[in-house]
Amino acid sequence: MQTVRVIPCLDVTAGRVVKGVNFVDLIDAGDPVELAARYDDQGADELVFLDITATSDDRATMVDVVERTADVVFIPLTVGGGIRSVADARAMLRAGADKVSVNSAAVADPSLISTLAEEFGSQCVVVAVDARRRGDGAFEVVTHGGRTTSDWELVDWLGELSRRGAGEVLLTSMDRDGTRVGYDLELLELASAHLQVPLIASGGVGDLADLVAGAVEGCADGLLAASIFHLGTHTIGEAKAALQAAGVPVRP
């Protein structure tokens, strides 16, 4: 097993970190720069910022947030939400992001993934995938915070991402997001079996055992969580200690 990364996620809207359940009923969780600095101090491996409103009106605010964060943290920073073009990606990378994440725009035009990979290198391109379980048990890809169902089934979309040059995949279970009942391990196992690039697990972490399960049973390379860190339930150090105790290799 490769070293597993612990990655706090900051959902940002109008310059503030928010948290909700299934992307609704949002509550304020703090200042993104302050939280980012805290997680850097605690030993997080990376940070993910997602602009969950992703409107053009908020874009300038997000650039400012990224710039201020990059000044105070020294770990890789991935930024997503509203990135629809090379120009959008370049603006975030120039502001201090190390990677950009695309989701809805990539589903609408998969060539965006190839274009970004060619322009900036695959290592800079994260594709965020929101998946939801259908009534027949299969997983479908959804966009716009789960409000829109795409024409893609998960396995087909993951194959497309690999062909297009995605550097890694951030996979969120829309059924589990914010519920704190644990990752959807079946979803993660399915994805890891069809991916040749790193997989970041997202959606549902409620305690440290969920992180361990995501790495051991879900075969995830990165473990993304929000509530347990934002609310002070656990620290990054406690998360890494739990993983290490379970035999999962982590960075000190």
C-alpha atoms as a PDB file:
ATOM      1  CA  MET A   1       0.000   0.000   0.000  1.00  0.00           C
ATOM      2  CA  GLN A   2       1.272   3.452  -0.909  1.00  0.00           C
ATOM      3  CA  THR A   3       1.359   6.331   1.548  1.00  0.00           C
ATOM      4  CA  VAL A   4      -2.198   7.567   2.079  1.00  0.00           C
ATOM      5  CA  ARG A   5      -2.895  11.302   2.204  1.00  0.00           C
ATOM      6  CA  VAL A   6      -5.182  12.997   4.732  1.00  0.00           C
ATOM      7  CA  ILE A   7      -6.936  15.907   3.025  1.00  0.00           C
ATOM      8  CA  PRO A   8      -9.276  18.411   4.700  1.00  0.00           C
ATOM      9  CA  CYS A   9     -11.873  19.853   2.321  1.00  0.00           C
ATOM     10  CA  LEU A  10     -13.061  23.432   2.572  1.00  0.00           C
ATOM     11  CA  ASP A  11     -16.336  24.151   0.790  1.00  0.00           C
ATOM     12  CA  VAL A  12     -16.237  27.896   0.187  1.00  0.00           C
ATOM     13  CA  THR A  13     -19.005  30.282  -0.755  1.00  0.00           C
ATOM     14  CA  ALA A  14     -18.813  34.083  -0.645  1.00  0.00           C
ATOM     15  CA  GLY A  15     -15.401  33.822   1.018  1.00  0.00           C
ATOM     16  CA  ARG A  16     -16.516  31.608   3.931  1.00  0.00           C
ATOM     17  CA  VAL A  17     -16.243  27.897   4.632  1.00  0.00           C
ATOM     18  CA  VAL A  18     -19.633  26.194   4.896  1.00  0.00           C
ATOM     19  CA  LYS A  19     -20.841  22.677   5.627  1.00  0.00           C
ATOM     20  CA  GLY A  20     -24.148  20.988   4.989  1.00  0.00           C
ATOM     21  CA  VAL A  21     -25.794  17.655   4.242  1.00  0.00           C
ATOM     22  CA  ASN A  22     -25.991  16.598   0.588  1.00  0.00           C
ATOM     23  CA  PHE A  23     -24.865  20.141  -0.333  1.00  0.00           C
ATOM     24  CA  VAL A  24     -27.902  21.838   1.273  1.00  0.00           C
ATOM     25  CA  ASP A  25     -28.765  23.330   4.700  1.00  0.00           C
ATOM     26  CA  LEU A  26     -25.388  25.051   4.794  1.00  0.00           C
ATOM     27  CA  ILE A  27     -23.921  26.439   8.011  1.00  0.00           C
ATOM     28  CA  ASP A  28     -20.909  28.698   8.441  1.00  0.00           C
ATOM     29  CA  ALA A  29     -17.761  26.793   9.447  1.00  0.00           C
ATOM     30  CA  GLY A  30     -15.208  29.598   9.553  1.00  0.00           C
ATOM     31  CA  ASP A  31     -12.636  31.616   7.659  1.00  0.00           C
ATOM     32  CA  PRO A  32     -10.920  29.561   4.937  1.00  0.00           C
ATOM     33  CA  VAL A  33      -7.475  31.085   5.433  1.00  0.00           C
ATOM     34  CA  GLU A  34      -7.549  30.508   9.201  1.00  0.00           C
ATOM     35  CA  LEU A  35      -8.736  26.921   8.760  1.00  0.00           C
ATOM     36  CA  ALA A  36      -6.145  26.242   6.076  1.00  0.00           C
ATOM     37  CA  ALA A  37      -3.353  27.520   8.321  1.00  0.00           C
ATOM     38  CA  ARG A  38      -4.616  25.348  11.187  1.00  0.00           C
ATOM     39  CA  TYR A  39      -4.600  22.228   9.039  1.00  0.00           C
ATOM     40  CA  ASP A  40      -1.154  23.032   7.688  1.00  0.00           C
ATOM     41  CA  ASP A  41       0.121  23.308  11.275  1.00  0.00           C
ATOM     42  CA  GLN A  42      -1.572  20.019  12.189  1.00  0.00           C
ATOM     43  CA  GLY A  43       0.191  18.151   9.393  1.00  0.00           C
ATOM     44  CA  ALA A  44      -2.419  17.804   6.656  1.00  0.00           C
ATOM     45  CA  ASP A  45      -0.938  16.422   3.454  1.00  0.00           C
ATOM     46  CA  GLU A  46      -3.005  18.586   1.112  1.00  0.00           C
ATOM     47  CA  LEU A  47      -5.972  20.927   1.087  1.00  0.00           C
ATOM     48  CA  VAL A  48      -8.954  21.046  -1.240  1.00  0.00           C
ATOM     49  CA  PHE A  49     -10.932  24.254  -1.750  1.00  0.00           C
ATOM     50  CA  LEU A  50     -14.241  23.928  -3.566  1.00  0.00           C
ATOM     51  CA  ASP A  51     -16.227  27.016  -4.543  1.00  0.00           C
ATOM     52  CA  ILE A  52     -19.645  25.414  -4.223  1.00  0.00           C
ATOM     53  CA  THR A  53     -21.555  28.359  -5.653  1.00  0.00           C
ATOM     54  CA  ALA A  54     -19.111  28.809  -8.520  1.00  0.00           C
ATOM     55  CA  THR A  55     -20.796  31.837  -9.991  1.00  0.00           C
ATOM     56  CA  SER A  56     -18.908  34.510 -11.865  1.00  0.00           C
ATOM     57  CA  ASP A  57     -19.787  37.001  -9.141  1.00  0.00           C
ATOM     58  CA  ASP A  58     -17.884  34.966  -6.583  1.00  0.00           C
ATOM     59  CA  ARG A  59     -14.883  34.219  -8.770  1.00  0.00           C
ATOM     60  CA  ALA A  60     -12.888  37.301  -7.732  1.00  0.00           C
ATOM     61  CA  THR A  61     -13.492  36.438  -4.084  1.00  0.00           C
ATOM     62  CA  MET A  62     -12.198  32.905  -4.614  1.00  0.00           C
ATOM     63  CA  VAL A  63      -9.031  34.148  -6.303  1.00  0.00           C
ATOM     64  CA  ASP A  64      -8.438  36.397  -3.304  1.00  0.00           C
ATOM     65  CA  VAL A  65      -9.012  33.494  -0.903  1.00  0.00           C
ATOM     66  CA  VAL A  66      -6.537  31.319  -2.806  1.00  0.00           C
ATOM     67  CA  GLU A  67      -3.922  34.068  -2.864  1.00  0.00           C
ATOM     68  CA  ARG A  68      -4.237  34.699   0.870  1.00  0.00           C
ATOM     69  CA  THR A  69      -4.146  30.968   1.622  1.00  0.00           C
ATOM     70  CA  ALA A  70      -1.096  30.338  -0.535  1.00  0.00           C
ATOM     71  CA  ASP A  71       0.730  32.987   1.497  1.00  0.00           C
ATOM     72  CA  VAL A  72       0.299  31.067   4.751  1.00  0.00           C
ATOM     73  CA  VAL A  73       0.305  27.346   3.877  1.00  0.00           C
ATOM     74  CA  PHE A  74       3.070  25.198   2.471  1.00  0.00           C
ATOM     75  CA  ILE A  75       1.218  22.063   1.400  1.00  0.00           C
ATOM     76  CA  PRO A  76      -0.385  21.324  -1.978  1.00  0.00           C
ATOM     77  CA  LEU A  77      -3.623  23.185  -2.603  1.00  0.00           C
ATOM     78  CA  THR A  78      -6.308  21.989  -5.026  1.00  0.00           C
ATOM     79  CA  VAL A  79      -8.985  24.474  -6.078  1.00  0.00           C
ATOM     80  CA  GLY A  80     -12.235  23.649  -7.856  1.00  0.00           C
ATOM     81  CA  GLY A  81     -15.625  25.075  -8.650  1.00  0.00           C
ATOM     82  CA  GLY A  82     -16.472  27.108 -11.725  1.00  0.00           C
ATOM     83  CA  ILE A  83     -13.331  26.215 -13.676  1.00  0.00           C
ATOM     84  CA  ARG A  84     -14.537  25.997 -17.265  1.00  0.00           C
ATOM     85  CA  SER A  85     -11.501  26.946 -19.356  1.00  0.00           C
ATOM     86  CA  VAL A  86      -7.727  27.162 -19.563  1.00  0.00           C
ATOM     87  CA  ALA A  87      -8.009  30.819 -18.532  1.00  0.00           C
ATOM     88  CA  ASP A  88      -9.964  29.903 -15.390  1.00  0.00           C
ATOM     89  CA  ALA A  89      -7.414  27.247 -14.474  1.00  0.00           C
ATOM     90  CA  ARG A  90      -4.481  29.546 -15.139  1.00  0.00           C
ATOM     91  CA  ALA A  91      -5.984  32.209 -12.878  1.00  0.00           C
ATOM     92  CA  MET A  92      -6.191  29.754  -9.983  1.00  0.00           C
ATOM     93  CA  LEU A  93      -2.710  28.366 -10.559  1.00  0.00           C
ATOM     94  CA  ARG A  94      -1.279  31.880 -10.715  1.00  0.00           C
ATOM     95  CA  ALA A  95      -3.113  32.715  -7.494  1.00  0.00           C
ATOM     96  CA  GLY A  96      -1.221  29.913  -5.761  1.00  0.00           C
ATOM     97  CA  ALA A  97      -3.134  26.682  -6.373  1.00  0.00           C
ATOM     98  CA  ASP A  98      -1.039  23.609  -7.147  1.00  0.00           C
ATOM     99  CA  LYS A  99      -3.868  21.740  -8.868  1.00  0.00           C
ATOM    100  CA  VAL A 100      -7.253  22.578 -10.319  1.00  0.00           C
ATOM    101  CA  SER A 101     -10.359  20.453 -10.054  1.00  0.00           C
ATOM    102  CA  VAL A 102     -13.034  20.271 -12.742  1.00  0.00           C
ATOM    103  CA  ASN A 103     -16.422  18.615 -12.485  1.00  0.00           C
ATOM    104  CA  SER A 104     -19.580  19.834 -14.233  1.00  0.00           C
ATOM    105  CA  ALA A 105     -17.643  21.559 -17.023  1.00  0.00           C
ATOM    106  CA  ALA A 106     -15.758  18.331 -17.767  1.00  0.00           C
ATOM    107  CA  VAL A 107     -18.988  16.348 -17.981  1.00  0.00           C
ATOM    108  CA  ALA A 108     -20.386  18.948 -20.379  1.00  0.00           C
ATOM    109  CA  ASP A 109     -17.208  18.897 -22.487  1.00  0.00           C
ATOM    110  CA  PRO A 110     -14.763  16.042 -21.732  1.00  0.00           C
ATOM    111  CA  SER A 111     -12.180  17.604 -24.059  1.00  0.00           C
ATOM    112  CA  LEU A 112     -11.596  20.177 -21.304  1.00  0.00           C
ATOM    113  CA  ILE A 113      -9.699  17.493 -19.371  1.00  0.00           C
ATOM    114  CA  SER A 114      -7.344  16.804 -22.278  1.00  0.00           C
ATOM    115  CA  THR A 115      -6.865  20.509 -22.923  1.00  0.00           C
ATOM    116  CA  LEU A 116      -5.937  21.223 -19.306  1.00  0.00           C
ATOM    117  CA  ALA A 117      -3.624  18.198 -19.141  1.00  0.00           C
ATOM    118  CA  GLU A 118      -1.819  19.319 -22.285  1.00  0.00           C
ATOM    119  CA  GLU A 119      -1.535  22.911 -21.075  1.00  0.00           C
ATOM    120  CA  PHE A 120      -0.505  22.348 -17.452  1.00  0.00           C
ATOM    121  CA  GLY A 121       0.378  18.644 -17.155  1.00  0.00           C
ATOM    122  CA  SER A 122      -1.784  15.815 -15.852  1.00  0.00           C
ATOM    123  CA  GLN A 123      -0.350  16.267 -12.361  1.00  0.00           C
ATOM    124  CA  CYS A 124      -2.254  19.569 -12.128  1.00  0.00           C
ATOM    125  CA  VAL A 125      -5.618  18.173 -13.236  1.00  0.00           C
ATOM    126  CA  VAL A 126      -8.010  16.648 -10.714  1.00  0.00           C
ATOM    127  CA  VAL A 127     -11.414  15.531 -11.933  1.00  0.00           C
ATOM    128  CA  ALA A 128     -14.076  15.649  -9.234  1.00  0.00           C
ATOM    129  CA  VAL A 129     -16.781  13.053  -9.763  1.00  0.00           C
ATOM    130  CA  ASP A 130     -20.104  13.177  -7.916  1.00  0.00           C
ATOM    131  CA  ALA A 131     -21.770   9.774  -7.978  1.00  0.00           C
ATOM    132  CA  ARG A 132     -25.202   8.679  -6.816  1.00  0.00           C
ATOM    133  CA  ARG A 133     -26.624   5.195  -6.472  1.00  0.00           C
ATOM    134  CA  ARG A 134     -29.600   4.471  -8.711  1.00  0.00           C
ATOM    135  CA  GLY A 135     -32.552   2.285  -7.817  1.00  0.00           C
ATOM    136  CA  ASP A 136     -30.998  -0.631  -9.691  1.00  0.00           C
ATOM    137  CA  GLY A 137     -27.828  -0.376  -7.597  1.00  0.00           C
ATOM    138  CA  ALA A 138     -25.621   1.067 -10.343  1.00  0.00           C
ATOM    139  CA  PHE A 139     -23.871   4.404  -9.908  1.00  0.00           C
ATOM    140  CA  GLU A 140     -24.630   7.413 -12.094  1.00  0.00           C
ATOM    141  CA  VAL A 141     -22.622  10.618 -12.460  1.00  0.00           C
ATOM    142  CA  VAL A 142     -24.401  13.797 -11.378  1.00  0.00           C
ATOM    143  CA  THR A 143     -23.435  17.455 -11.647  1.00  0.00           C
ATOM    144  CA  HIS A 144     -24.307  20.878 -10.246  1.00  0.00           C
ATOM    145  CA  GLY A 145     -24.185  19.695  -6.653  1.00  0.00           C
ATOM    146  CA  GLY A 146     -26.288  16.630  -7.438  1.00  0.00           C
ATOM    147  CA  ARG A 147     -29.128  18.587  -8.985  1.00  0.00           C
ATOM    148  CA  THR A 148     -28.501  17.371 -12.536  1.00  0.00           C
ATOM    149  CA  THR A 149     -28.216  13.781 -13.720  1.00  0.00           C
ATOM    150  CA  SER A 150     -25.734  13.247 -16.546  1.00  0.00           C
ATOM    151  CA  ASP A 151     -25.778  10.620 -19.272  1.00  0.00           C
ATOM    152  CA  TRP A 152     -22.691   8.917 -17.827  1.00  0.00           C
ATOM    153  CA  GLU A 153     -22.558   5.778 -15.753  1.00  0.00           C
ATOM    154  CA  LEU A 154     -19.675   5.845 -13.290  1.00  0.00           C
ATOM    155  CA  VAL A 155     -17.484   3.122 -14.771  1.00  0.00           C
ATOM    156  CA  ASP A 156     -17.766   4.559 -18.297  1.00  0.00           C
ATOM    157  CA  TRP A 157     -16.937   8.051 -17.040  1.00  0.00           C
ATOM    158  CA  LEU A 158     -13.883   6.824 -15.126  1.00  0.00           C
ATOM    159  CA  GLY A 159     -12.619   5.185 -18.303  1.00  0.00           C
ATOM    160  CA  GLU A 160     -13.106   8.438 -20.180  1.00  0.00           C
ATOM    161  CA  LEU A 161     -11.148  10.356 -17.539  1.00  0.00           C
ATOM    162  CA  SER A 162      -8.224   7.987 -17.811  1.00  0.00           C
ATOM    163  CA  ARG A 163      -8.151   8.341 -21.602  1.00  0.00           C
ATOM    164  CA  ARG A 164      -8.347  12.113 -21.360  1.00  0.00           C
ATOM    165  CA  GLY A 165      -5.316  12.443 -19.065  1.00  0.00           C
ATOM    166  CA  ALA A 166      -6.781  13.177 -15.625  1.00  0.00           C
ATOM    167  CA  GLY A 167      -4.066  13.146 -12.971  1.00  0.00           C
ATOM    168  CA  GLU A 168      -6.312  11.965 -10.154  1.00  0.00           C
ATOM    169  CA  VAL A 169      -9.980  11.534  -9.312  1.00  0.00           C
ATOM    170  CA  LEU A 170     -11.823  12.999  -6.332  1.00  0.00           C
ATOM    171  CA  LEU A 171     -14.880  10.780  -5.928  1.00  0.00           C
ATOM    172  CA  THR A 172     -17.787  11.965  -3.772  1.00  0.00           C
ATOM    173  CA  SER A 173     -20.740   9.835  -2.785  1.00  0.00           C
ATOM    174  CA  MET A 174     -23.675  12.217  -3.030  1.00  0.00           C
ATOM    175  CA  ASP A 175     -25.702   9.789  -0.954  1.00  0.00           C
ATOM    176  CA  ARG A 176     -23.214  10.035   1.909  1.00  0.00           C
ATOM    177  CA  ASP A 177     -22.052  13.674   1.740  1.00  0.00           C
ATOM    178  CA  GLY A 178     -22.395  15.313   5.157  1.00  0.00           C
ATOM    179  CA  THR A 179     -24.202  12.337   6.679  1.00  0.00           C
ATOM    180  CA  ARG A 180     -21.232  11.159   8.803  1.00  0.00           C
ATOM    181  CA  VAL A 181     -22.159   7.503   8.332  1.00  0.00           C
ATOM    182  CA  GLY A 182     -18.923   6.555   6.559  1.00  0.00           C
ATOM    183  CA  TYR A 183     -17.618   6.381   3.013  1.00  0.00           C
ATOM    184  CA  ASP A 184     -19.548   4.321   0.463  1.00  0.00           C
ATOM    185  CA  LEU A 185     -17.015   1.492   0.363  1.00  0.00           C
ATOM    186  CA  GLU A 186     -18.725  -0.308  -2.509  1.00  0.00           C
ATOM    187  CA  LEU A 187     -18.429   2.854  -4.586  1.00  0.00           C
ATOM    188  CA  LEU A 188     -14.739   3.249  -3.733  1.00  0.00           C
ATOM    189  CA  GLU A 189     -13.916  -0.393  -4.448  1.00  0.00           C
ATOM    190  CA  LEU A 190     -15.619  -0.160  -7.829  1.00  0.00           C
ATOM    191  CA  ALA A 191     -13.763   3.022  -8.734  1.00  0.00           C
ATOM    192  CA  SER A 192     -10.348   1.829  -7.577  1.00  0.00           C
ATOM    193  CA  ALA A 193     -10.732  -1.294  -9.724  1.00  0.00           C
ATOM    194  CA  HIS A 194     -11.249   0.875 -12.819  1.00  0.00           C
ATOM    195  CA  LEU A 195      -8.653   3.589 -12.237  1.00  0.00           C
ATOM    196  CA  GLN A 196      -4.944   3.752 -12.974  1.00  0.00           C
ATOM    197  CA  VAL A 197      -4.569   7.151 -11.283  1.00  0.00           C
ATOM    198  CA  PRO A 198      -4.849   8.095  -7.586  1.00  0.00           C
ATOM    199  CA  LEU A 199      -8.319   8.018  -6.037  1.00  0.00           C
ATOM    200  CA  ILE A 200      -9.419  10.461  -3.337  1.00  0.00           C
ATOM    201  CA  ALA A 201     -12.406   9.295  -1.277  1.00  0.00           C
ATOM    202  CA  SER A 202     -15.041  11.838  -0.266  1.00  0.00           C
ATOM    203  CA  GLY A 203     -18.439  11.891   1.379  1.00  0.00           C
ATOM    204  CA  GLY A 204     -19.618  10.614   4.746  1.00  0.00           C
ATOM    205  CA  VAL A 205     -16.727  10.608   7.219  1.00  0.00           C
ATOM    206  CA  GLY A 206     -18.026  10.673  10.796  1.00  0.00           C
ATOM    207  CA  ASP A 207     -15.176   9.194  12.810  1.00  0.00           C
ATOM    208  CA  LEU A 208     -11.628   7.897  12.518  1.00  0.00           C
ATOM    209  CA  ALA A 209     -12.756   4.356  11.733  1.00  0.00           C
ATOM    210  CA  ASP A 210     -14.323   5.665   8.533  1.00  0.00           C
ATOM    211  CA  LEU A 211     -10.945   6.977   7.378  1.00  0.00           C
ATOM    212  CA  VAL A 212      -9.316   3.626   8.088  1.00  0.00           C
ATOM    213  CA  ALA A 213     -12.046   1.812   6.150  1.00  0.00           C
ATOM    214  CA  GLY A 214     -11.627   4.172   3.205  1.00  0.00           C
ATOM    215  CA  ALA A 215      -7.954   3.302   2.949  1.00  0.00           C
ATOM    216  CA  VAL A 216      -8.080  -0.406   3.772  1.00  0.00           C
ATOM    217  CA  GLU A 217     -11.382  -1.517   2.230  1.00  0.00           C
ATOM    218  CA  GLY A 218     -11.963   1.303  -0.230  1.00  0.00           C
ATOM    219  CA  CYS A 219      -8.355   1.253  -1.506  1.00  0.00           C
ATOM    220  CA  ALA A 220      -8.297   5.063  -1.638  1.00  0.00           C
ATOM    221  CA  ASP A 221      -5.006   6.921  -2.032  1.00  0.00           C
ATOM    222  CA  GLY A 222      -6.362  10.082  -0.422  1.00  0.00           C
ATOM    223  CA  LEU A 223      -8.926  10.515   2.353  1.00  0.00           C
ATOM    224  CA  LEU A 224     -10.945  13.698   2.177  1.00  0.00           C
ATOM    225  CA  ALA A 225     -13.019  14.873   5.143  1.00  0.00           C
ATOM    226  CA  ALA A 226     -14.576  18.093   6.356  1.00  0.00           C
ATOM    227  CA  SER A 227     -16.932  17.999   9.335  1.00  0.00           C
ATOM    228  CA  ILE A 228     -14.750  15.996  11.722  1.00  0.00           C
ATOM    229  CA  PHE A 229     -11.944  18.511  11.246  1.00  0.00           C
ATOM    230  CA  HIS A 230     -13.941  21.753  10.976  1.00  0.00           C
ATOM    231  CA  LEU A 231     -15.999  20.988  14.089  1.00  0.00           C
ATOM    232  CA  GLY A 232     -12.946  19.947  16.089  1.00  0.00           C
ATOM    233  CA  THR A 233     -14.125  16.359  16.562  1.00  0.00           C
ATOM    234  CA  HIS A 234     -10.672  15.116  15.572  1.00  0.00           C
ATOM    235  CA  THR A 235      -7.353  16.613  14.516  1.00  0.00           C
ATOM    236  CA  ILE A 236      -5.213  15.660  11.542  1.00  0.00           C
ATOM    237  CA  GLY A 237      -2.737  14.111  13.977  1.00  0.00           C
ATOM    238  CA  GLU A 238      -5.415  11.882  15.490  1.00  0.00           C
ATOM    239  CA  ALA A 239      -6.482  10.810  12.014  1.00  0.00           C
ATOM    240  CA  LYS A 240      -2.950   9.856  11.047  1.00  0.00           C
ATOM    241  CA  ALA A 241      -2.395   8.027  14.331  1.00  0.00           C
ATOM    242  CA  ALA A 242      -5.538   5.945  13.753  1.00  0.00           C
ATOM    243  CA  LEU A 243      -4.437   5.104  10.227  1.00  0.00           C
ATOM    244  CA  GLN A 244      -0.935   4.206  11.344  1.00  0.00           C
ATOM    245  CA  ALA A 245      -2.294   1.981  14.112  1.00  0.00           C
ATOM    246  CA  ALA A 246      -4.297   0.115  11.451  1.00  0.00           C
ATOM    247  CA  GLY A 247      -1.186  -0.458   9.381  1.00  0.00           C
ATOM    248  CA  VAL A 248      -1.918   2.258   6.822  1.00  0.00           C
ATOM    249  CA  PRO A 249       1.255   4.144   5.824  1.00  0.00           C
ATOM    250  CA  VAL A 250       0.965   7.917   6.282  1.00  0.00           C
ATOM    251  CA  ARG A 251       3.352  10.828   6.164  1.00  0.00           C
ATOM    252  CA  PRO A 252       4.551  11.966   9.610  1.00  0.00           C
END
